[in-house]
Amino acid sequence: MTVEPLAHARRHTLYFLDQIRPFSPVFLDTEVDMTQVLAHRAARREHTGRRLSLVTYIVAAGGRALAAHPEANASIRGWLRPVVARHPQVNGKVTFDRTMGGRRVVLATVVPDIAAGDLDAIQDRIEQFRGLDPDTAPALAPIRKLQRLPVPLGRLLAWRVARPLERRASLLGTFAVTSLGHRPVDGFHSVGGTTVTLGVGRVLDRPVARDGRVEIAPVLRLSLAFDHRVIDGAEAADVLAEIRRVLEEPWPQPTAESPAAQLDDIRPAVRETVGGQA
């Protein structure tokens, strides 16, 4: 047996987990028929040459669902005097498996103002973050500095940064998406530090019932973890049902005149907002 100090590269995850200890999780899951998403994805690639991530569709659907359920688009703080902040816009945190300081770690980016479901803006942010070098990127310098601090000071600093509710939306997002769909994982449940966290598994061909017939369709196992301090099960179930509805309905197909047609004509800009936890 060997015993060694926790690697510096993992300290930001330790501090993040300290902050979410009061979280009171309840878990839901459902299965989503991804036929319409895959059809839209293939059409977009044919017309534009751009490949959209399945996570991009999940984030877009989550943004629309949270906009329709503002009670879930919230953050909570406090024990003796708990207070809840309802955020005016929907920000989605997306987690990534990266290597930092020679260690495999989880990093995250926050895509702001995604209620319009702009797939291109979401994909742009995902690709931009994937292209960063965790060991040198200026955007991740605050995380690297946090990792090098003595642990007591790092814990204190992380607490001071995350405590103000007005910072939560930009730092952690108002909901989170974490995916293991690139691995042979059907489904999993995760707590992302937000009132709602979506866990994404792989898409597999499964038997489904349609009009009294059994057919084979691409099915995604989608989980939702919610903080019971903020919302109850019925509200969380409505959010999950809305996400499933958005994903399963036909998505506007691109045309020669409008190759990048999306759910809405609104194109919110993507800010340079980078988070460090998942």
Protein backbone atom coordinates (compact mmCIF):
# COMPACT_ATOMS: atom_id res chain seq x y z
CA MET A 1 0.00 0.00 0.00
CA THR A 2 1.17 3.50 -0.78
CA VAL A 3 -0.11 6.72 0.78
CA GLU A 4 0.45 10.10 -0.81
CA PRO A 5 -1.06 13.58 -0.61
CA LEU A 6 -4.00 14.37 -2.85
CA ALA A 7 -2.71 15.58 -6.21
CA HIS A 8 -2.85 19.35 -6.65
CA ALA A 9 -4.79 18.88 -9.88
CA ARG A 10 -7.68 17.29 -7.94
CA ARG A 11 -7.96 19.95 -5.26
CA HIS A 12 -10.52 22.06 -7.11
CA THR A 13 -12.85 19.04 -7.19
CA LEU A 14 -12.35 18.52 -3.44
CA TYR A 15 -13.24 22.15 -2.73
CA PHE A 16 -16.27 21.97 -5.00
CA LEU A 17 -17.55 18.89 -3.17
CA ASP A 18 -17.12 20.75 0.11
CA GLN A 19 -19.45 23.46 -1.18
CA ILE A 20 -22.25 21.11 -2.25
CA ARG A 21 -22.43 18.99 0.94
CA PRO A 22 -25.78 20.57 1.97
CA PHE A 23 -27.32 19.46 -1.35
CA SER A 24 -30.36 17.19 -0.74
CA PRO A 25 -30.51 15.03 -3.87
CA VAL A 26 -33.42 13.14 -5.33
CA PHE A 27 -32.98 11.25 -8.60
CA LEU A 28 -35.27 10.70 -11.57
CA ASP A 29 -34.66 9.14 -14.97
CA THR A 30 -36.42 8.51 -18.26
CA GLU A 31 -35.75 7.15 -21.72
CA VAL A 32 -35.69 9.47 -24.72
CA ASP A 33 -36.27 8.44 -28.33
CA MET A 34 -33.44 10.25 -30.13
CA THR A 35 -34.72 9.61 -33.67
CA GLN A 36 -35.53 13.27 -34.33
CA VAL A 37 -32.26 14.52 -32.83
CA LEU A 38 -30.17 12.14 -34.92
CA ALA A 39 -32.11 13.05 -38.08
CA HIS A 40 -31.56 16.76 -37.46
CA ARG A 41 -27.92 16.17 -36.64
CA ALA A 42 -27.35 14.25 -39.88
CA ALA A 43 -29.12 16.93 -41.92
CA ARG A 44 -27.05 19.69 -40.33
CA ARG A 45 -23.86 17.86 -41.12
CA GLU A 46 -24.94 17.27 -44.72
CA HIS A 47 -25.89 20.92 -45.29
CA THR A 48 -23.15 22.66 -43.32
CA GLY A 49 -20.43 20.07 -42.77
CA ARG A 50 -20.61 20.72 -39.05
CA ARG A 51 -21.05 17.90 -36.56
CA LEU A 52 -23.11 18.84 -33.52
CA SER A 53 -22.51 17.05 -30.25
CA LEU A 54 -25.43 15.19 -28.70
CA VAL A 55 -24.61 17.06 -25.50
CA THR A 56 -25.32 20.28 -27.40
CA TYR A 57 -28.90 19.11 -27.98
CA ILE A 58 -29.28 18.14 -24.31
CA VAL A 59 -28.06 21.57 -23.21
CA ALA A 60 -30.42 23.30 -25.65
CA ALA A 61 -33.39 21.25 -24.47
CA GLY A 62 -32.45 21.82 -20.83
CA GLY A 63 -32.25 25.55 -21.42
CA ARG A 64 -35.74 25.68 -22.86
CA ALA A 65 -37.14 23.53 -20.05
CA LEU A 66 -35.57 25.63 -17.29
CA ALA A 67 -36.85 28.81 -18.93
CA ALA A 68 -40.35 27.32 -18.75
CA HIS A 69 -39.84 26.32 -15.08
CA PRO A 70 -38.24 29.31 -13.32
CA GLU A 71 -38.73 27.70 -9.89
CA ALA A 72 -36.06 25.18 -10.88
CA ASN A 73 -33.74 27.81 -12.34
CA ALA A 74 -32.58 28.81 -8.90
CA SER A 75 -29.84 28.62 -6.27
CA ILE A 76 -30.07 28.24 -2.49
CA ARG A 77 -27.81 29.27 0.37
CA GLY A 78 -27.97 29.18 4.13
CA TRP A 79 -29.08 26.97 6.99
CA LEU A 80 -30.44 29.18 9.77
CA ARG A 81 -31.76 31.72 7.25
CA PRO A 82 -32.02 29.94 3.91
CA VAL A 83 -32.55 32.15 0.88
CA VAL A 84 -33.28 31.22 -2.73
CA ALA A 85 -32.24 33.22 -5.80
CA ARG A 86 -34.32 32.94 -9.00
CA HIS A 87 -31.99 33.62 -11.89
CA PRO A 88 -33.22 35.81 -14.77
CA GLN A 89 -31.40 33.80 -17.43
CA VAL A 90 -30.59 30.14 -17.98
CA ASN A 91 -26.91 29.16 -17.95
CA GLY A 92 -25.82 25.60 -18.68
CA LYS A 93 -22.70 24.09 -17.13
CA VAL A 94 -21.09 21.33 -19.21
CA THR A 95 -18.43 19.04 -17.74
CA PHE A 96 -15.41 17.56 -19.49
CA ASP A 97 -12.93 14.79 -18.79
CA ARG A 98 -9.51 16.42 -19.19
CA THR A 99 -5.88 15.92 -18.18
CA MET A 100 -4.37 18.64 -16.00
CA GLY A 101 -1.01 18.52 -14.29
CA GLY A 102 -0.61 14.95 -15.48
CA ARG A 103 -3.85 13.89 -13.75
CA ARG A 104 -7.24 13.02 -15.15
CA VAL A 105 -9.69 15.61 -13.81
CA VAL A 106 -13.11 17.07 -14.43
CA LEU A 107 -13.33 20.64 -15.73
CA ALA A 108 -16.37 22.59 -16.79
CA THR A 109 -17.50 25.55 -18.84
CA VAL A 110 -20.65 27.62 -18.50
CA VAL A 111 -22.68 28.54 -21.59
CA PRO A 112 -24.80 31.57 -20.70
CA ASP A 113 -28.28 32.62 -21.78
CA ILE A 114 -29.27 29.45 -23.62
CA ALA A 115 -33.05 29.59 -23.21
CA ALA A 116 -33.38 30.21 -26.97
CA GLY A 117 -31.85 26.82 -27.69
CA ASP A 118 -29.20 28.13 -30.10
CA LEU A 119 -27.33 24.99 -31.09
CA ASP A 120 -24.51 26.82 -32.86
CA ALA A 121 -23.73 29.04 -29.87
CA ILE A 122 -23.67 26.05 -27.54
CA GLN A 123 -21.49 24.02 -29.91
CA ASP A 124 -19.12 26.96 -30.35
CA ARG A 125 -18.59 27.16 -26.59
CA ILE A 126 -18.07 23.41 -26.25
CA GLU A 127 -15.52 23.34 -29.07
CA GLN A 128 -13.74 26.39 -27.71
CA PHE A 129 -13.37 24.82 -24.27
CA ARG A 130 -12.26 21.47 -25.69
CA GLY A 131 -9.53 23.30 -27.56
CA LEU A 132 -8.01 24.79 -24.39
CA ASP A 133 -4.81 23.39 -22.93
CA PRO A 134 -5.67 22.96 -19.22
CA ASP A 135 -2.02 23.46 -18.22
CA THR A 136 -1.48 26.74 -20.06
CA ALA A 137 -4.83 28.33 -21.05
CA PRO A 138 -5.25 31.80 -19.44
CA ALA A 139 -8.96 31.08 -18.92
CA LEU A 140 -8.04 28.27 -16.53
CA ALA A 141 -5.35 30.17 -14.65
CA PRO A 142 -7.63 30.80 -11.60
CA ILE A 143 -8.09 27.05 -11.17
CA ARG A 144 -4.37 26.39 -11.41
CA LYS A 145 -3.70 29.08 -8.80
CA LEU A 146 -6.38 27.61 -6.53
CA GLN A 147 -4.77 24.18 -6.79
CA ARG A 148 -1.38 25.50 -5.66
CA LEU A 149 -2.67 27.15 -2.48
CA PRO A 150 -2.37 25.39 0.89
CA VAL A 151 -5.49 23.30 1.39
CA PRO A 152 -7.00 25.38 4.25
CA LEU A 153 -6.56 28.58 2.23
CA GLY A 154 -7.89 26.91 -0.91
CA ARG A 155 -11.01 25.75 0.94
CA LEU A 156 -11.59 29.24 2.32
CA LEU A 157 -11.10 30.93 -1.03
CA ALA A 158 -13.40 28.48 -2.82
CA TRP A 159 -16.07 29.09 -0.18
CA ARG A 160 -15.79 32.87 -0.48
CA VAL A 161 -15.99 32.77 -4.27
CA ALA A 162 -18.97 30.40 -4.45
CA ARG A 163 -21.01 31.75 -1.54
CA PRO A 164 -22.60 34.88 -3.11
CA LEU A 165 -25.79 33.85 -4.90
CA GLU A 166 -25.30 36.53 -7.53
CA ARG A 167 -22.17 34.67 -8.71
CA ARG A 168 -23.71 31.21 -8.89
CA ALA A 169 -25.23 31.53 -12.36
CA SER A 170 -21.96 32.57 -14.01
CA LEU A 171 -19.70 30.34 -11.91
CA LEU A 172 -21.68 27.08 -11.74
CA GLY A 173 -24.52 27.64 -14.19
CA THR A 174 -28.20 27.40 -13.30
CA PHE A 175 -28.30 23.77 -14.37
CA ALA A 176 -25.61 21.25 -15.23
CA VAL A 177 -25.09 18.57 -17.89
CA THR A 178 -22.58 15.77 -17.43
CA SER A 179 -22.19 12.94 -19.93
CA LEU A 180 -20.63 9.50 -19.98
CA GLY A 181 -22.25 8.69 -23.31
CA HIS A 182 -18.82 8.19 -24.89
CA ARG A 183 -18.39 5.13 -22.67
CA PRO A 184 -20.46 1.90 -22.38
CA VAL A 185 -22.63 3.51 -19.68
CA ASP A 186 -26.39 3.38 -20.10
CA GLY A 187 -27.19 5.90 -17.39
CA PHE A 188 -25.86 7.50 -14.23
CA HIS A 189 -26.79 10.11 -11.67
CA SER A 190 -24.60 13.05 -10.74
CA VAL A 191 -24.83 16.18 -8.59
CA GLY A 192 -23.45 19.21 -10.39
CA GLY A 193 -23.88 21.86 -7.71
CA THR A 194 -27.03 23.27 -9.33
CA THR A 195 -30.69 22.69 -8.48
CA VAL A 196 -31.00 20.50 -11.58
CA THR A 197 -28.27 18.25 -13.00
CA LEU A 198 -28.75 16.10 -16.11
CA GLY A 199 -26.82 12.85 -16.46
CA VAL A 200 -26.41 11.61 -20.03
CA GLY A 201 -25.70 8.00 -20.94
CA ARG A 202 -25.09 6.40 -24.32
CA VAL A 203 -27.58 6.12 -27.17
CA LEU A 204 -28.43 2.51 -28.01
CA ASP A 205 -30.88 0.85 -30.38
CA ARG A 206 -33.69 -0.49 -28.20
CA PRO A 207 -37.20 -1.85 -28.77
CA VAL A 208 -39.92 0.80 -28.46
CA ALA A 209 -43.71 0.65 -28.88
CA ARG A 210 -45.18 2.79 -31.67
CA ASP A 211 -48.84 2.64 -32.66
CA GLY A 212 -49.18 -0.82 -31.19
CA ARG A 213 -46.05 -2.13 -32.90
CA VAL A 214 -42.61 -2.88 -31.52
CA GLU A 215 -39.87 -1.11 -33.43
CA ILE A 216 -36.17 -0.45 -32.93
CA ALA A 217 -35.18 3.13 -32.15
CA PRO A 218 -32.12 4.96 -30.82
CA VAL A 219 -32.84 5.50 -27.11
CA LEU A 220 -31.02 7.66 -24.58
CA ARG A 221 -31.17 7.08 -20.83
CA LEU A 222 -31.45 10.54 -19.30
CA SER A 223 -31.32 11.17 -15.55
CA LEU A 224 -32.14 14.24 -13.52
CA ALA A 225 -30.90 14.99 -10.01
CA PHE A 226 -32.64 17.80 -8.17
CA ASP A 227 -32.09 19.60 -4.90
CA HIS A 228 -35.13 18.88 -2.73
CA ARG A 229 -34.47 22.04 -0.73
CA VAL A 230 -35.43 24.14 -3.76
CA ILE A 231 -38.09 22.15 -5.65
CA ASP A 232 -40.20 19.04 -5.17
CA GLY A 233 -40.51 15.88 -7.23
CA ALA A 234 -43.52 17.02 -9.27
CA GLU A 235 -41.71 20.13 -10.49
CA ALA A 236 -38.57 18.12 -11.28
CA ALA A 237 -40.65 15.53 -13.15
CA ASP A 238 -42.22 18.30 -15.23
CA VAL A 239 -38.75 19.62 -16.10
CA LEU A 240 -37.59 16.16 -17.19
CA ALA A 241 -40.78 15.61 -19.18
CA GLU A 242 -40.30 18.96 -20.95
CA ILE A 243 -36.72 18.09 -21.87
CA ARG A 244 -37.87 14.75 -23.26
CA ARG A 245 -40.64 16.46 -25.24
CA VAL A 246 -38.23 18.95 -26.81
CA LEU A 247 -35.77 16.21 -27.78
CA GLU A 248 -38.40 13.90 -29.27
CA GLU A 249 -40.28 16.47 -31.34
CA PRO A 250 -39.11 17.20 -34.91
CA TRP A 251 -36.36 19.81 -35.02
CA PRO A 252 -36.49 22.39 -37.85
CA GLN A 253 -34.44 21.03 -40.70
CA PRO A 254 -31.78 23.23 -42.35
CA THR A 255 -32.41 24.45 -45.88
CA ALA A 256 -30.21 25.82 -48.64
CA GLU A 257 -31.46 29.33 -47.80
CA SER A 258 -31.06 28.87 -44.06
CA PRO A 259 -28.57 26.08 -43.37
CA ALA A 260 -28.28 26.83 -39.70
CA ALA A 261 -31.98 26.99 -38.84
CA GLN A 262 -32.52 26.28 -35.14
CA LEU A 263 -35.34 26.24 -32.63
CA ASP A 264 -35.52 30.04 -32.61
CA ASP A 265 -34.17 32.95 -34.58
CA ILE A 266 -32.57 34.40 -31.47
CA ARG A 267 -28.79 34.06 -31.41
CA PRO A 268 -27.50 34.87 -27.93
CA ALA A 269 -23.80 35.59 -27.75
CA VAL A 270 -21.60 33.20 -25.85
CA ARG A 271 -19.51 34.90 -23.20
CA GLU A 272 -16.07 33.81 -22.14
CA THR A 273 -17.22 32.16 -18.93
CA VAL A 274 -15.23 29.20 -17.66
CA GLY A 275 -15.99 27.13 -14.56
CA GLY A 276 -13.69 24.70 -12.82
CA GLN A 277 -15.88 22.05 -11.21
CA ALA A 278 -18.29 19.31 -12.13
